[in-house]
Amino acid sequence: MRQIPLREFRTRGAKALEAVPKGESILLSGQNGPAYFLVPVVGDVAQEDREIRRAMAKASLRESWRLAEEAALSEISDEAIQGEIDQARSTLDRRKAG
């Protein structure tokens, strides 16, 4: 996979892509690290779309897990989580009844 600086891609666009072999994925990187993937469309577009969405979902989960670790939320017990769920449901039930 080739890596192209985001700034170069913005300013030179198609010219920056000329050196990349046909069919190869490209990683666009910004100042804070990887920013975007450019993935060629070949074959079954629907299947490729599912795979890309799956990869994006995994990346999002990893970020959520990282944030949870930083906030020490990963240390909350299952019982505490269930208690919060029960409390939220009770509040909703009272709103519906009232």
PDB file of N, CA and C in Angstrom:
ATOM      1  N   MET A   1       0.852  -1.176   0.000  1.00  0.00           N
ATOM      2  CA  MET A   1       0.000   0.000   0.000  1.00  0.00           C
ATOM      3  C   MET A   1       0.897   1.238   0.000  1.00  0.00           C
ATOM      4  N   ARG A   2       0.580   2.134  -0.893  1.00  0.00           N
ATOM      5  CA  ARG A   2       1.329   3.394  -0.979  1.00  0.00           C
ATOM      6  C   ARG A   2       0.760   4.392   0.021  1.00  0.00           C
ATOM      7  N   GLN A   3       1.621   5.284   0.471  1.00  0.00           N
ATOM      8  CA  GLN A   3       1.194   6.355   1.363  1.00  0.00           C
ATOM      9  C   GLN A   3       1.534   7.675   0.689  1.00  0.00           C
ATOM     10  N   ILE A   4       0.544   8.544   0.631  1.00  0.00           N
ATOM     11  CA  ILE A   4       0.716   9.857   0.012  1.00  0.00           C
ATOM     12  C   ILE A   4       0.317  10.905   1.048  1.00  0.00           C
ATOM     13  N   PRO A   5       1.132  11.931   1.223  1.00  0.00           N
ATOM     14  CA  PRO A   5       0.745  12.998   2.148  1.00  0.00           C
ATOM     15  C   PRO A   5      -0.539  13.678   1.663  1.00  0.00           C
ATOM     16  N   LEU A   6      -1.430  13.940   2.583  1.00  0.00           N
ATOM     17  CA  LEU A   6      -2.714  14.569   2.271  1.00  0.00           C
ATOM     18  C   LEU A   6      -2.503  15.905   1.559  1.00  0.00           C
ATOM     19  N   ARG A   7      -1.512  16.647   1.987  1.00  0.00           N
ATOM     20  CA  ARG A   7      -1.227  17.950   1.368  1.00  0.00           C
ATOM     21  C   ARG A   7      -0.871  17.781  -0.109  1.00  0.00           C
ATOM     22  N   GLU A   8      -0.042  16.775  -0.411  1.00  0.00           N
ATOM     23  CA  GLU A   8       0.335  16.524  -1.808  1.00  0.00           C
ATOM     24  C   GLU A   8      -0.883  16.125  -2.633  1.00  0.00           C
ATOM     25  N   PHE A   9      -1.745  15.287  -2.060  1.00  0.00           N
ATOM     26  CA  PHE A   9      -2.943  14.860  -2.777  1.00  0.00           C
ATOM     27  C   PHE A   9      -3.869  16.043  -3.043  1.00  0.00           C
ATOM     28  N   ARG A  10      -3.981  16.943  -2.067  1.00  0.00           N
ATOM     29  CA  ARG A  10      -4.838  18.122  -2.260  1.00  0.00           C
ATOM     30  C   ARG A  10      -4.309  19.034  -3.365  1.00  0.00           C
ATOM     31  N   THR A  11      -3.003  19.226  -3.375  1.00  0.00           N
ATOM     32  CA  THR A  11      -2.450  20.184  -4.328  1.00  0.00           C
ATOM     33  C   THR A  11      -2.198  19.589  -5.710  1.00  0.00           C
ATOM     34  N   ARG A  12      -1.843  18.304  -5.766  1.00  0.00           N
ATOM     35  CA  ARG A  12      -1.480  17.704  -7.052  1.00  0.00           C
ATOM     36  C   ARG A  12      -2.469  16.666  -7.542  1.00  0.00           C
ATOM     37  N   GLY A  13      -3.392  16.223  -6.708  1.00  0.00           N
ATOM     38  CA  GLY A  13      -4.455  15.312  -7.102  1.00  0.00           C
ATOM     39  C   GLY A  13      -4.033  14.147  -7.977  1.00  0.00           C
ATOM     40  N   ALA A  14      -4.490  14.161  -9.219  1.00  0.00           N
ATOM     41  CA  ALA A  14      -4.251  13.061 -10.151  1.00  0.00           C
ATOM     42  C   ALA A  14      -2.761  12.836 -10.378  1.00  0.00           C
ATOM     43  N   LYS A  15      -1.982  13.879 -10.373  1.00  0.00           N
ATOM     44  CA  LYS A  15      -0.532  13.755 -10.586  1.00  0.00           C
ATOM     45  C   LYS A  15       0.092  12.924  -9.460  1.00  0.00           C
ATOM     46  N   ALA A  16      -0.392  13.098  -8.233  1.00  0.00           N
ATOM     47  CA  ALA A  16       0.131  12.333  -7.092  1.00  0.00           C
ATOM     48  C   ALA A  16      -0.199  10.853  -7.218  1.00  0.00           C
ATOM     49  N   LEU A  17      -1.273  10.536  -7.926  1.00  0.00           N
ATOM     50  CA  LEU A  17      -1.707   9.145  -8.070  1.00  0.00           C
ATOM     51  C   LEU A  17      -1.028   8.422  -9.231  1.00  0.00           C
ATOM     52  N   GLU A  18      -0.359   9.143 -10.116  1.00  0.00           N
ATOM     53  CA  GLU A  18       0.233   8.529 -11.303  1.00  0.00           C
ATOM     54  C   GLU A  18       1.244   7.432 -10.973  1.00  0.00           C
ATOM     55  N   ALA A  19       1.985   7.596  -9.893  1.00  0.00           N
ATOM     56  CA  ALA A  19       3.031   6.631  -9.543  1.00  0.00           C
ATOM     57  C   ALA A  19       2.472   5.376  -8.869  1.00  0.00           C
ATOM     58  N   VAL A  20       1.193   5.392  -8.552  1.00  0.00           N
ATOM     59  CA  VAL A  20       0.582   4.256  -7.859  1.00  0.00           C
ATOM     60  C   VAL A  20       0.082   3.246  -8.884  1.00  0.00           C
ATOM     61  N   PRO A  21       0.505   1.977  -8.760  1.00  0.00           N
ATOM     62  CA  PRO A  21       0.039   0.950  -9.699  1.00  0.00           C
ATOM     63  C   PRO A  21      -1.481   0.793  -9.649  1.00  0.00           C
ATOM     64  N   LYS A  22      -2.076   0.502 -10.800  1.00  0.00           N
ATOM     65  CA  LYS A  22      -3.520   0.322 -10.883  1.00  0.00           C
ATOM     66  C   LYS A  22      -3.966  -0.804  -9.946  1.00  0.00           C
ATOM     67  N   GLY A  23      -5.021  -0.542  -9.187  1.00  0.00           N
ATOM     68  CA  GLY A  23      -5.576  -1.548  -8.288  1.00  0.00           C
ATOM     69  C   GLY A  23      -5.003  -1.518  -6.883  1.00  0.00           C
ATOM     70  N   GLU A  24      -3.991  -0.703  -6.624  1.00  0.00           N
ATOM     71  CA  GLU A  24      -3.378  -0.653  -5.297  1.00  0.00           C
ATOM     72  C   GLU A  24      -4.097   0.372  -4.418  1.00  0.00           C
ATOM     73  N   SER A  25      -4.311   0.032  -3.159  1.00  0.00           N
ATOM     74  CA  SER A  25      -4.920   0.958  -2.203  1.00  0.00           C
ATOM     75  C   SER A  25      -3.897   2.017  -1.809  1.00  0.00           C
ATOM     76  N   ILE A  26      -4.407   3.170  -1.409  1.00  0.00           N
ATOM     77  CA  ILE A  26      -3.549   4.294  -1.030  1.00  0.00           C
ATOM     78  C   ILE A  26      -3.974   4.792   0.337  1.00  0.00           C
ATOM     79  N   LEU A  27      -2.990   5.097   1.168  1.00  0.00           N
ATOM     80  CA  LEU A  27      -3.252   5.681   2.470  1.00  0.00           C
ATOM     81  C   LEU A  27      -2.850   7.146   2.402  1.00  0.00           C
ATOM     82  N   LEU A  28      -3.815   8.036   2.627  1.00  0.00           N
ATOM     83  CA  LEU A  28      -3.518   9.460   2.674  1.00  0.00           C
ATOM     84  C   LEU A  28      -3.235   9.812   4.125  1.00  0.00           C
ATOM     85  N   SER A  29      -2.080  10.430   4.359  1.00  0.00           N
ATOM     86  CA  SER A  29      -1.702  10.736   5.738  1.00  0.00           C
ATOM     87  C   SER A  29      -1.607  12.239   5.936  1.00  0.00           C
ATOM     88  N   GLY A  30      -2.114  12.679   7.089  1.00  0.00           N
ATOM     89  CA  GLY A  30      -2.048  14.081   7.460  1.00  0.00           C
ATOM     90  C   GLY A  30      -0.996  14.297   8.532  1.00  0.00           C
ATOM     91  N   GLN A  31      -0.995  15.468   9.121  1.00  0.00           N
ATOM     92  CA  GLN A  31      -0.018  15.783  10.165  1.00  0.00           C
ATOM     93  C   GLN A  31      -0.201  14.907  11.399  1.00  0.00           C
ATOM     94  N   ASN A  32      -1.417  14.471  11.657  1.00  0.00           N
ATOM     95  CA  ASN A  32      -1.706  13.660  12.840  1.00  0.00           C
ATOM     96  C   ASN A  32      -1.776  12.175  12.521  1.00  0.00           C
ATOM     97  N   GLY A  33      -1.175  11.757  11.419  1.00  0.00           N
ATOM     98  CA  GLY A  33      -1.164  10.350  11.063  1.00  0.00           C
ATOM     99  C   GLY A  33      -2.136  10.042   9.942  1.00  0.00           C
ATOM    100  N   PRO A  34      -2.430   8.739   9.757  1.00  0.00           N
ATOM    101  CA  PRO A  34      -3.321   8.325   8.666  1.00  0.00           C
ATOM    102  C   PRO A  34      -4.677   9.023   8.740  1.00  0.00           C
ATOM    103  N   ALA A  35      -5.168   9.432   7.578  1.00  0.00           N
ATOM    104  CA  ALA A  35      -6.427  10.164   7.543  1.00  0.00           C
ATOM    105  C   ALA A  35      -7.487   9.465   6.689  1.00  0.00           C
ATOM    106  N   TYR A  36      -7.102   8.969   5.520  1.00  0.00           N
ATOM    107  CA  TYR A  36      -8.076   8.382   4.598  1.00  0.00           C
ATOM    108  C   TYR A  36      -7.443   7.228   3.829  1.00  0.00           C
ATOM    109  N   PHE A  37      -8.293   6.293   3.408  1.00  0.00           N
ATOM    110  CA  PHE A  37      -7.890   5.262   2.469  1.00  0.00           C
ATOM    111  C   PHE A  37      -8.549   5.562   1.138  1.00  0.00           C
ATOM    112  N   LEU A  38      -7.812   5.402   0.067  1.00  0.00           N
ATOM    113  CA  LEU A  38      -8.387   5.411  -1.272  1.00  0.00           C
ATOM    114  C   LEU A  38      -8.304   3.965  -1.738  1.00  0.00           C
ATOM    115  N   VAL A  39      -9.455   3.395  -2.014  1.00  0.00           N
ATOM    116  CA  VAL A  39      -9.523   1.987  -2.380  1.00  0.00           C
ATOM    117  C   VAL A  39     -10.080   1.884  -3.791  1.00  0.00           C
ATOM    118  N   PRO A  40      -9.369   1.194  -4.681  1.00  0.00           N
ATOM    119  CA  PRO A  40      -9.872   1.072  -6.056  1.00  0.00           C
ATOM    120  C   PRO A  40     -11.127   0.209  -6.097  1.00  0.00           C
ATOM    121  N   VAL A  41     -11.999   0.540  -7.006  1.00  0.00           N
ATOM    122  CA  VAL A  41     -13.231  -0.233  -7.190  1.00  0.00           C
ATOM    123  C   VAL A  41     -12.968  -1.260  -8.284  1.00  0.00           C
ATOM    124  N   VAL A  42     -12.991  -2.513  -7.891  1.00  0.00           N
ATOM    125  CA  VAL A  42     -12.755  -3.605  -8.823  1.00  0.00           C
ATOM    126  C   VAL A  42     -13.726  -4.716  -8.476  1.00  0.00           C
ATOM    127  N   GLY A  43     -14.392  -5.276  -9.444  1.00  0.00           N
ATOM    128  CA  GLY A  43     -15.271  -6.417  -9.176  1.00  0.00           C
ATOM    129  C   GLY A  43     -16.583  -6.013  -8.518  1.00  0.00           C
ATOM    130  N   ASP A  44     -16.966  -6.762  -7.503  1.00  0.00           N
ATOM    131  CA  ASP A  44     -18.254  -6.597  -6.831  1.00  0.00           C
ATOM    132  C   ASP A  44     -18.219  -5.390  -5.891  1.00  0.00           C
ATOM    133  N   VAL A  45     -18.752  -4.267  -6.357  1.00  0.00           N
ATOM    134  CA  VAL A  45     -18.727  -3.030  -5.588  1.00  0.00           C
ATOM    135  C   VAL A  45     -19.484  -3.185  -4.272  1.00  0.00           C
ATOM    136  N   ALA A  46     -20.600  -3.895  -4.273  1.00  0.00           N
ATOM    137  CA  ALA A  46     -21.379  -4.081  -3.048  1.00  0.00           C
ATOM    138  C   ALA A  46     -20.564  -4.824  -1.990  1.00  0.00           C
ATOM    139  N   GLN A  47     -19.841  -5.868  -2.385  1.00  0.00           N
ATOM    140  CA  GLN A  47     -19.006  -6.621  -1.443  1.00  0.00           C
ATOM    141  C   GLN A  47     -17.885  -5.749  -0.902  1.00  0.00           C
ATOM    142  N   GLU A  48     -17.249  -4.987  -1.793  1.00  0.00           N
ATOM    143  CA  GLU A  48     -16.172  -4.106  -1.355  1.00  0.00           C
ATOM    144  C   GLU A  48     -16.697  -3.057  -0.385  1.00  0.00           C
ATOM    145  N   ASP A  49     -17.893  -2.535  -0.652  1.00  0.00           N
ATOM    146  CA  ASP A  49     -18.487  -1.537   0.233  1.00  0.00           C
ATOM    147  C   ASP A  49     -18.698  -2.132   1.628  1.00  0.00           C
ATOM    148  N   ARG A  50     -19.194  -3.373   1.700  1.00  0.00           N
ATOM    149  CA  ARG A  50     -19.393  -4.027   3.000  1.00  0.00           C
ATOM    150  C   ARG A  50     -18.068  -4.180   3.740  1.00  0.00           C
ATOM    151  N   GLU A  51     -17.019  -4.571   3.023  1.00  0.00           N
ATOM    152  CA  GLU A  51     -15.716  -4.760   3.645  1.00  0.00           C
ATOM    153  C   GLU A  51     -15.150  -3.442   4.159  1.00  0.00           C
ATOM    154  N   ILE A  52     -15.324  -2.385   3.385  1.00  0.00           N
ATOM    155  CA  ILE A  52     -14.847  -1.068   3.810  1.00  0.00           C
ATOM    156  C   ILE A  52     -15.616  -0.607   5.043  1.00  0.00           C
ATOM    157  N   ARG A  53     -16.940  -0.772   5.030  1.00  0.00           N
ATOM    158  CA  ARG A  53     -17.743  -0.373   6.189  1.00  0.00           C
ATOM    159  C   ARG A  53     -17.370  -1.183   7.428  1.00  0.00           C
ATOM    160  N   ARG A  54     -17.087  -2.456   7.251  1.00  0.00           N
ATOM    161  CA  ARG A  54     -16.665  -3.308   8.375  1.00  0.00           C
ATOM    162  C   ARG A  54     -15.342  -2.793   8.953  1.00  0.00           C
ATOM    163  N   ALA A  55     -14.401  -2.447   8.089  1.00  0.00           N
ATOM    164  CA  ALA A  55     -13.108  -1.924   8.547  1.00  0.00           C
ATOM    165  C   ALA A  55     -13.293  -0.596   9.278  1.00  0.00           C
ATOM    166  N   MET A  56     -14.186   0.252   8.761  1.00  0.00           N
ATOM    167  CA  MET A  56     -14.443   1.537   9.414  1.00  0.00           C
ATOM    168  C   MET A  56     -15.086   1.327  10.780  1.00  0.00           C
ATOM    169  N   ALA A  57     -16.000   0.369  10.874  1.00  0.00           N
ATOM    170  CA  ALA A  57     -16.647   0.082  12.162  1.00  0.00           C
ATOM    171  C   ALA A  57     -15.626  -0.413  13.176  1.00  0.00           C
ATOM    172  N   LYS A  58     -14.708  -1.274  12.740  1.00  0.00           N
ATOM    173  CA  LYS A  58     -13.667  -1.770  13.645  1.00  0.00           C
ATOM    174  C   LYS A  58     -12.782  -0.625  14.136  1.00  0.00           C
ATOM    175  N   ALA A  59     -12.434   0.270  13.240  1.00  0.00           N
ATOM    176  CA  ALA A  59     -11.605   1.414  13.629  1.00  0.00           C
ATOM    177  C   ALA A  59     -12.342   2.292  14.632  1.00  0.00           C
ATOM    178  N   SER A  60     -13.632   2.493  14.413  1.00  0.00           N
ATOM    179  CA  SER A  60     -14.440   3.283  15.343  1.00  0.00           C
ATOM    180  C   SER A  60     -14.507   2.616  16.712  1.00  0.00           C
ATOM    181  N   LEU A  61     -14.685   1.303  16.729  1.00  0.00           N
ATOM    182  CA  LEU A  61     -14.709   0.574  17.999  1.00  0.00           C
ATOM    183  C   LEU A  61     -13.390   0.707  18.741  1.00  0.00           C
ATOM    184  N   ARG A  62     -12.286   0.583  18.010  1.00  0.00           N
ATOM    185  CA  ARG A  62     -10.984   0.719  18.653  1.00  0.00           C
ATOM    186  C   ARG A  62     -10.844   2.092  19.297  1.00  0.00           C
ATOM    187  N   GLU A  63     -11.320   3.127  18.618  1.00  0.00           N
ATOM    188  CA  GLU A  63     -11.253   4.481  19.172  1.00  0.00           C
ATOM    189  C   GLU A  63     -12.142   4.589  20.413  1.00  0.00           C
ATOM    190  N   SER A  64     -13.337   4.011  20.365  1.00  0.00           N
ATOM    191  CA  SER A  64     -14.236   4.038  21.526  1.00  0.00           C
ATOM    192  C   SER A  64     -13.615   3.312  22.711  1.00  0.00           C
ATOM    193  N   TRP A  65     -12.986   2.168  22.435  1.00  0.00           N
ATOM    194  CA  TRP A  65     -12.333   1.413  23.506  1.00  0.00           C
ATOM    195  C   TRP A  65     -11.180   2.210  24.107  1.00  0.00           C
ATOM    196  N   ARG A  66     -10.433   2.910  23.256  1.00  0.00           N
ATOM    197  CA  ARG A  66      -9.316   3.723  23.739  1.00  0.00           C
ATOM    198  C   ARG A  66      -9.824   4.836  24.652  1.00  0.00           C
ATOM    199  N   LEU A  67     -10.903   5.493  24.232  1.00  0.00           N
ATOM    200  CA  LEU A  67     -11.478   6.570  25.051  1.00  0.00           C
ATOM    201  C   LEU A  67     -12.023   6.025  26.368  1.00  0.00           C
ATOM    202  N   ALA A  68     -12.636   4.851  26.323  1.00  0.00           N
ATOM    203  CA  ALA A  68     -13.148   4.224  27.545  1.00  0.00           C
ATOM    204  C   ALA A  68     -12.006   3.897  28.497  1.00  0.00           C
ATOM    205  N   GLU A  69     -10.897   3.423  27.965  1.00  0.00           N
ATOM    206  CA  GLU A  69      -9.722   3.127  28.802  1.00  0.00           C
ATOM    207  C   GLU A  69      -9.213   4.396  29.462  1.00  0.00           C
ATOM    208  N   GLU A  70      -9.115   5.483  28.687  1.00  0.00           N
ATOM    209  CA  GLU A  70      -8.614   6.750  29.229  1.00  0.00           C
ATOM    210  C   GLU A  70      -9.516   7.273  30.347  1.00  0.00           C
ATOM    211  N   ALA A  71     -10.827   7.074  30.220  1.00  0.00           N
ATOM    212  CA  ALA A  71     -11.781   7.561  31.226  1.00  0.00           C
ATOM    213  C   ALA A  71     -12.022   6.532  32.327  1.00  0.00           C
ATOM    214  N   ALA A  72     -11.280   5.438  32.307  1.00  0.00           N
ATOM    215  CA  ALA A  72     -11.412   4.347  33.294  1.00  0.00           C
ATOM    216  C   ALA A  72     -12.802   3.724  33.275  1.00  0.00           C
ATOM    217  N   LEU A  73     -13.501   3.859  32.157  1.00  0.00           N
ATOM    218  CA  LEU A  73     -14.832   3.269  32.046  1.00  0.00           C
ATOM    219  C   LEU A  73     -14.764   1.776  31.820  1.00  0.00           C
ATOM    220  N   SER A  74     -13.605   1.288  31.414  1.00  0.00           N
ATOM    221  CA  SER A  74     -13.466  -0.143  31.173  1.00  0.00           C
ATOM    222  C   SER A  74     -13.430  -0.922  32.488  1.00  0.00           C
ATOM    223  N   GLU A  75     -13.345  -0.199  33.602  1.00  0.00           N
ATOM    224  CA  GLU A  75     -13.283  -0.844  34.913  1.00  0.00           C
ATOM    225  C   GLU A  75     -14.655  -0.964  35.576  1.00  0.00           C
ATOM    226  N   ILE A  76     -15.703  -0.475  34.918  1.00  0.00           N
ATOM    227  CA  ILE A  76     -17.048  -0.547  35.487  1.00  0.00           C
ATOM    228  C   ILE A  76     -17.536  -1.993  35.419  1.00  0.00           C
ATOM    229  N   SER A  77     -18.128  -2.455  36.506  1.00  0.00           N
ATOM    230  CA  SER A  77     -18.592  -3.851  36.560  1.00  0.00           C
ATOM    231  C   SER A  77     -19.870  -4.022  35.741  1.00  0.00           C
ATOM    232  N   ASP A  78     -20.147  -5.266  35.381  1.00  0.00           N
ATOM    233  CA  ASP A  78     -21.379  -5.578  34.655  1.00  0.00           C
ATOM    234  C   ASP A  78     -22.601  -5.197  35.486  1.00  0.00           C
ATOM    235  N   GLU A  79     -22.508  -5.370  36.796  1.00  0.00           N
ATOM    236  CA  GLU A  79     -23.629  -5.029  37.681  1.00  0.00           C
ATOM    237  C   GLU A  79     -23.896  -3.522  37.661  1.00  0.00           C
ATOM    238  N   ALA A  80     -22.836  -2.720  37.651  1.00  0.00           N
ATOM    239  CA  ALA A  80     -23.010  -1.264  37.610  1.00  0.00           C
ATOM    240  C   ALA A  80     -23.633  -0.837  36.281  1.00  0.00           C
ATOM    241  N   ILE A  81     -23.199  -1.461  35.207  1.00  0.00           N
ATOM    242  CA  ILE A  81     -23.780  -1.148  33.895  1.00  0.00           C
ATOM    243  C   ILE A  81     -25.258  -1.521  33.870  1.00  0.00           C
ATOM    244  N   GLN A  82     -25.584  -2.709  34.377  1.00  0.00           N
ATOM    245  CA  GLN A  82     -26.984  -3.137  34.410  1.00  0.00           C
ATOM    246  C   GLN A  82     -27.808  -2.203  35.283  1.00  0.00           C
ATOM    247  N   GLY A  83     -27.248  -1.735  36.377  1.00  0.00           N
ATOM    248  CA  GLY A  83     -27.948  -0.788  37.237  1.00  0.00           C
ATOM    249  C   GLY A  83     -28.293   0.502  36.505  1.00  0.00           C
ATOM    250  N   GLU A  84     -27.343   1.006  35.705  1.00  0.00           N
ATOM    251  CA  GLU A  84     -27.608   2.220  34.930  1.00  0.00           C
ATOM    252  C   GLU A  84     -28.687   1.983  33.879  1.00  0.00           C
ATOM    253  N   ILE A  85     -28.660   0.824  33.254  1.00  0.00           N
ATOM    254  CA  ILE A  85     -29.684   0.485  32.263  1.00  0.00           C
ATOM    255  C   ILE A  85     -31.048   0.415  32.929  1.00  0.00           C
ATOM    256  N   ASP A  86     -31.130  -0.264  34.072  1.00  0.00           N
ATOM    257  CA  ASP A  86     -32.399  -0.388  34.797  1.00  0.00           C
ATOM    258  C   ASP A  86     -32.925   0.977  35.216  1.00  0.00           C
ATOM    259  N   GLN A  87     -32.030   1.854  35.675  1.00  0.00           N
ATOM    260  CA  GLN A  87     -32.431   3.198  36.086  1.00  0.00           C
ATOM    261  C   GLN A  87     -32.980   3.982  34.893  1.00  0.00           C
ATOM    262  N   ALA A  88     -32.320   3.895  33.747  1.00  0.00           N
ATOM    263  CA  ALA A  88     -32.783   4.610  32.550  1.00  0.00           C
ATOM    264  C   ALA A  88     -34.145   4.085  32.103  1.00  0.00           C
ATOM    265  N   ARG A  89     -34.328   2.770  32.146  1.00  0.00           N
ATOM    266  CA  ARG A  89     -35.616   2.193  31.759  1.00  0.00           C
ATOM    267  C   ARG A  89     -36.720   2.624  32.717  1.00  0.00           C
ATOM    268  N   SER A  90     -36.413   2.675  34.003  1.00  0.00           N
ATOM    269  CA  SER A  90     -37.388   3.103  35.007  1.00  0.00           C
ATOM    270  C   SER A  90     -37.816   4.551  34.762  1.00  0.00           C
ATOM    271  N   THR A  91     -36.844   5.391  34.429  1.00  0.00           N
ATOM    272  CA  THR A  91     -37.145   6.798  34.130  1.00  0.00           C
ATOM    273  C   THR A  91     -38.049   6.903  32.902  1.00  0.00           C
ATOM    274  N   LEU A  92     -37.765   6.121  31.874  1.00  0.00           N
ATOM    275  CA  LEU A  92     -38.604   6.129  30.662  1.00  0.00           C
ATOM    276  C   LEU A  92     -40.011   5.640  30.962  1.00  0.00           C
ATOM    277  N   ASP A  93     -40.111   4.587  31.769  1.00  0.00           N
ATOM    278  CA  ASP A  93     -41.425   4.046  32.135  1.00  0.00           C
ATOM    279  C   ASP A  93     -42.252   5.086  32.873  1.00  0.00           C
ATOM    280  N   ARG A  94     -41.623   5.843  33.781  1.00  0.00           N
ATOM    281  CA  ARG A  94     -42.347   6.868  34.532  1.00  0.00           C
ATOM    282  C   ARG A  94     -42.805   7.991  33.605  1.00  0.00           C
ATOM    283  N   ARG A  95     -41.989   8.357  32.633  1.00  0.00           N
ATOM    284  CA  ARG A  95     -42.373   9.416  31.682  1.00  0.00           C
ATOM    285  C   ARG A  95     -43.566   8.975  30.835  1.00  0.00           C
ATOM    286  N   LYS A  96     -43.551   7.712  30.421  1.00  0.00           N
ATOM    287  CA  LYS A  96     -44.644   7.191  29.599  1.00  0.00           C
ATOM    288  C   LYS A  96     -45.939   7.139  30.410  1.00  0.00           C
ATOM    289  N   ALA A  97     -45.844   6.765  31.673  1.00  0.00           N
ATOM    290  CA  ALA A  97     -47.019   6.624  32.533  1.00  0.00           C
ATOM    291  C   ALA A  97     -47.559   7.995  32.956  1.00  0.00           C
ATOM    292  N   GLY A  98     -46.686   8.973  33.055  1.00  0.00           N
ATOM    293  CA  GLY A  98     -47.083  10.256  33.617  1.00  0.00           C
ATOM    294  C   GLY A  98     -47.504  11.227  32.633  1.00  0.00           C
TER     295      GLY A  98
END
